[in-house]
Amino acid sequence: MVVIRLNRGGSKARPFFNIVVADKRMRRDGRFLERIGFYNPTAKGGEEGLRIAQDRLTYWQGVGAQPSPTVDRLIRQVGKTAA
């Protein structure tokens, strides 16, 4: 099964997450198929905190990829800001 989930990066106490499409059997920070965005929970001021490539998200969901609960929440958040 293919999932859309977060891949953690950054340093201690300064997390940064890539939104990736990966096989469910791979580790959280292991191999992935494609990077489709990022999420920076510590973004301040004019920094961009969240970006998702909508065309790639639509494609992967169309072929059966399931978003994790956290990524699903972020997708809805992007939808609200775009509307």
N, C-alpha and C. Protein backbone atom coordinates (compact mmCIF):
# COMPACT_ATOMS: atom_id res chain seq x y z
N MET A 1 0.83 -1.17 0.00
CA MET A 1 0.00 0.00 0.00
C MET A 1 0.88 1.25 0.00
N VAL A 2 0.45 2.26 -0.72
CA VAL A 2 1.19 3.51 -0.81
C VAL A 2 0.52 4.54 0.11
N VAL A 3 1.32 5.25 0.88
CA VAL A 3 0.80 6.25 1.81
C VAL A 3 1.47 7.60 1.58
N ILE A 4 0.77 8.65 1.96
CA ILE A 4 1.30 10.01 1.94
C ILE A 4 1.52 10.37 3.40
N ARG A 5 2.76 10.63 3.78
CA ARG A 5 3.05 10.86 5.20
C ARG A 5 4.19 11.86 5.36
N LEU A 6 4.49 12.16 6.63
CA LEU A 6 5.55 13.10 6.95
C LEU A 6 6.88 12.37 7.13
N ASN A 7 7.94 13.02 6.69
CA ASN A 7 9.30 12.51 6.81
C ASN A 7 10.06 13.58 7.60
N ARG A 8 10.52 13.26 8.82
CA ARG A 8 11.09 14.27 9.71
C ARG A 8 12.52 14.62 9.34
N GLY A 9 12.80 15.90 9.42
CA GLY A 9 14.14 16.41 9.22
C GLY A 9 14.38 17.50 10.25
N GLY A 10 15.37 18.32 10.03
CA GLY A 10 15.67 19.38 10.98
C GLY A 10 16.55 18.89 12.11
N SER A 11 16.71 19.73 13.10
CA SER A 11 17.55 19.36 14.23
C SER A 11 16.70 19.22 15.49
N LYS A 12 17.36 18.90 16.56
CA LYS A 12 16.69 18.74 17.84
C LYS A 12 15.98 20.04 18.22
N ALA A 13 14.72 19.93 18.58
CA ALA A 13 13.87 21.06 18.99
C ALA A 13 13.56 22.03 17.85
N ARG A 14 13.95 21.72 16.61
CA ARG A 14 13.61 22.54 15.43
C ARG A 14 13.18 21.62 14.29
N PRO A 15 11.97 21.03 14.43
CA PRO A 15 11.55 20.04 13.43
C PRO A 15 11.20 20.68 12.08
N PHE A 16 11.39 19.89 11.04
CA PHE A 16 11.02 20.25 9.68
C PHE A 16 10.57 18.96 9.02
N PHE A 17 9.43 18.98 8.36
CA PHE A 17 8.88 17.75 7.79
C PHE A 17 8.71 17.89 6.28
N ASN A 18 9.12 16.85 5.55
CA ASN A 18 8.81 16.74 4.14
C ASN A 18 7.57 15.89 4.02
N ILE A 19 6.68 16.25 3.11
CA ILE A 19 5.50 15.44 2.83
C ILE A 19 5.87 14.55 1.66
N VAL A 20 5.88 13.24 1.90
CA VAL A 20 6.37 12.29 0.91
C VAL A 20 5.33 11.21 0.62
N VAL A 21 5.48 10.60 -0.55
CA VAL A 21 4.70 9.43 -0.93
C VAL A 21 5.64 8.24 -0.78
N ALA A 22 5.23 7.24 0.02
CA ALA A 22 6.12 6.12 0.30
C ALA A 22 5.32 4.82 0.41
N ASP A 23 6.02 3.73 0.28
CA ASP A 23 5.44 2.42 0.54
C ASP A 23 5.25 2.31 2.05
N LYS A 24 4.14 1.76 2.46
CA LYS A 24 3.83 1.67 3.89
C LYS A 24 4.86 0.85 4.66
N ARG A 25 5.54 -0.08 3.99
CA ARG A 25 6.49 -0.96 4.66
C ARG A 25 7.83 -0.29 4.94
N MET A 26 8.08 0.88 4.34
CA MET A 26 9.34 1.58 4.55
C MET A 26 9.30 2.35 5.88
N ARG A 27 10.48 2.61 6.44
CA ARG A 27 10.56 3.37 7.68
C ARG A 27 10.08 4.81 7.48
N ARG A 28 9.82 5.48 8.60
CA ARG A 28 9.34 6.86 8.55
C ARG A 28 10.29 7.75 7.77
N ASP A 29 11.58 7.66 8.05
CA ASP A 29 12.56 8.51 7.38
C ASP A 29 13.35 7.74 6.33
N GLY A 30 12.80 6.62 5.87
CA GLY A 30 13.50 5.79 4.90
C GLY A 30 13.21 6.20 3.47
N ARG A 31 13.30 5.23 2.59
CA ARG A 31 13.12 5.46 1.15
C ARG A 31 11.69 5.89 0.84
N PHE A 32 11.53 6.79 -0.12
CA PHE A 32 10.22 7.25 -0.53
C PHE A 32 10.17 7.35 -2.05
N LEU A 33 8.95 7.45 -2.59
CA LEU A 33 8.76 7.50 -4.04
C LEU A 33 8.88 8.92 -4.58
N GLU A 34 8.27 9.87 -3.87
CA GLU A 34 8.28 11.25 -4.34
C GLU A 34 8.04 12.21 -3.18
N ARG A 35 8.70 13.36 -3.22
CA ARG A 35 8.48 14.43 -2.25
C ARG A 35 7.50 15.40 -2.88
N ILE A 36 6.36 15.63 -2.21
CA ILE A 36 5.34 16.49 -2.81
C ILE A 36 5.12 17.79 -2.04
N GLY A 37 5.86 18.01 -0.95
CA GLY A 37 5.71 19.26 -0.22
C GLY A 37 6.50 19.26 1.07
N PHE A 38 6.24 20.29 1.88
CA PHE A 38 6.91 20.37 3.18
C PHE A 38 5.99 21.05 4.19
N TYR A 39 6.32 20.86 5.46
CA TYR A 39 5.60 21.47 6.58
C TYR A 39 6.62 21.91 7.60
N ASN A 40 6.61 23.20 7.93
CA ASN A 40 7.53 23.76 8.92
C ASN A 40 6.69 24.30 10.08
N PRO A 41 6.53 23.52 11.16
CA PRO A 41 5.68 23.97 12.27
C PRO A 41 6.25 25.15 13.05
N THR A 42 7.54 25.45 12.88
CA THR A 42 8.15 26.55 13.62
C THR A 42 8.34 27.80 12.75
N ALA A 43 7.64 27.88 11.62
CA ALA A 43 7.78 29.04 10.73
C ALA A 43 7.30 30.30 11.43
N LYS A 44 8.08 31.36 11.29
CA LYS A 44 7.74 32.64 11.93
C LYS A 44 7.75 33.75 10.89
N GLY A 45 6.96 34.75 11.14
CA GLY A 45 6.96 35.93 10.28
C GLY A 45 6.57 35.63 8.85
N GLY A 46 7.42 36.01 7.92
CA GLY A 46 7.13 35.85 6.51
C GLY A 46 7.51 34.50 5.93
N GLU A 47 8.01 33.58 6.76
CA GLU A 47 8.41 32.27 6.26
C GLU A 47 7.18 31.46 5.86
N GLU A 48 7.35 30.66 4.83
CA GLU A 48 6.28 29.78 4.38
C GLU A 48 6.28 28.53 5.26
N GLY A 49 5.15 28.22 5.85
CA GLY A 49 5.08 27.11 6.78
C GLY A 49 4.60 25.81 6.17
N LEU A 50 3.88 25.89 5.05
CA LEU A 50 3.29 24.69 4.46
C LEU A 50 3.15 24.86 2.97
N ARG A 51 3.60 23.86 2.22
CA ARG A 51 3.42 23.86 0.76
C ARG A 51 3.18 22.43 0.31
N ILE A 52 2.15 22.24 -0.51
CA ILE A 52 1.85 20.93 -1.07
C ILE A 52 1.58 21.12 -2.56
N ALA A 53 2.21 20.31 -3.40
CA ALA A 53 1.99 20.34 -4.85
C ALA A 53 0.64 19.67 -5.11
N GLN A 54 -0.40 20.47 -5.37
CA GLN A 54 -1.75 19.95 -5.52
C GLN A 54 -1.89 18.98 -6.69
N ASP A 55 -1.20 19.24 -7.80
CA ASP A 55 -1.31 18.35 -8.95
C ASP A 55 -0.78 16.95 -8.63
N ARG A 56 0.36 16.88 -7.93
CA ARG A 56 0.93 15.58 -7.56
C ARG A 56 0.10 14.89 -6.48
N LEU A 57 -0.48 15.67 -5.56
CA LEU A 57 -1.35 15.11 -4.53
C LEU A 57 -2.57 14.47 -5.18
N THR A 58 -3.18 15.17 -6.13
CA THR A 58 -4.35 14.65 -6.84
C THR A 58 -3.99 13.37 -7.59
N TYR A 59 -2.82 13.37 -8.24
CA TYR A 59 -2.40 12.17 -8.97
C TYR A 59 -2.26 10.98 -8.03
N TRP A 60 -1.53 11.15 -6.94
CA TRP A 60 -1.27 10.02 -6.04
C TRP A 60 -2.55 9.53 -5.37
N GLN A 61 -3.45 10.44 -5.02
CA GLN A 61 -4.72 10.00 -4.45
C GLN A 61 -5.55 9.27 -5.49
N GLY A 62 -5.41 9.68 -6.76
CA GLY A 62 -6.13 9.03 -7.85
C GLY A 62 -5.68 7.60 -8.09
N VAL A 63 -4.42 7.30 -7.82
CA VAL A 63 -3.92 5.94 -8.01
C VAL A 63 -3.99 5.12 -6.72
N GLY A 64 -4.60 5.67 -5.66
CA GLY A 64 -4.87 4.89 -4.46
C GLY A 64 -4.04 5.17 -3.24
N ALA A 65 -3.19 6.19 -3.24
CA ALA A 65 -2.39 6.49 -2.04
C ALA A 65 -3.28 7.06 -0.95
N GLN A 66 -3.06 6.61 0.28
CA GLN A 66 -3.86 7.05 1.42
C GLN A 66 -3.05 8.01 2.28
N PRO A 67 -3.58 9.22 2.58
CA PRO A 67 -2.84 10.14 3.46
C PRO A 67 -2.94 9.70 4.92
N SER A 68 -1.88 9.97 5.67
CA SER A 68 -1.92 9.71 7.11
C SER A 68 -2.87 10.73 7.75
N PRO A 69 -3.33 10.49 8.98
CA PRO A 69 -4.25 11.45 9.61
C PRO A 69 -3.66 12.87 9.71
N THR A 70 -2.39 12.99 10.01
CA THR A 70 -1.77 14.31 10.11
C THR A 70 -1.70 14.99 8.76
N VAL A 71 -1.32 14.26 7.73
CA VAL A 71 -1.25 14.83 6.38
C VAL A 71 -2.65 15.19 5.90
N ASP A 72 -3.65 14.39 6.24
CA ASP A 72 -5.03 14.70 5.88
C ASP A 72 -5.45 16.03 6.50
N ARG A 73 -5.08 16.27 7.75
CA ARG A 73 -5.38 17.53 8.41
C ARG A 73 -4.67 18.69 7.70
N LEU A 74 -3.43 18.50 7.30
CA LEU A 74 -2.68 19.55 6.60
C LEU A 74 -3.29 19.84 5.22
N ILE A 75 -3.77 18.80 4.54
CA ILE A 75 -4.41 18.99 3.24
C ILE A 75 -5.67 19.84 3.39
N ARG A 76 -6.47 19.56 4.42
CA ARG A 76 -7.66 20.38 4.66
C ARG A 76 -7.28 21.81 5.00
N GLN A 77 -6.18 21.99 5.74
CA GLN A 77 -5.70 23.33 6.10
C GLN A 77 -5.31 24.11 4.85
N VAL A 78 -4.63 23.47 3.91
CA VAL A 78 -4.25 24.13 2.66
C VAL A 78 -5.50 24.48 1.86
N GLY A 79 -6.49 23.60 1.87
CA GLY A 79 -7.74 23.86 1.15
C GLY A 79 -8.46 25.07 1.69
N LYS A 80 -8.45 25.27 2.99
CA LYS A 80 -9.13 26.43 3.59
C LYS A 80 -8.42 27.73 3.22
N THR A 81 -7.09 27.73 3.22
CA THR A 81 -6.36 28.95 2.91
C THR A 81 -6.46 29.29 1.42
N ALA A 82 -6.59 28.26 0.56
CA ALA A 82 -6.71 28.51 -0.87
C ALA A 82 -8.08 29.02 -1.25
N ALA A 83 -9.11 28.65 -0.49
CA ALA A 83 -10.49 29.05 -0.81
C ALA A 83 -10.80 30.46 -0.37
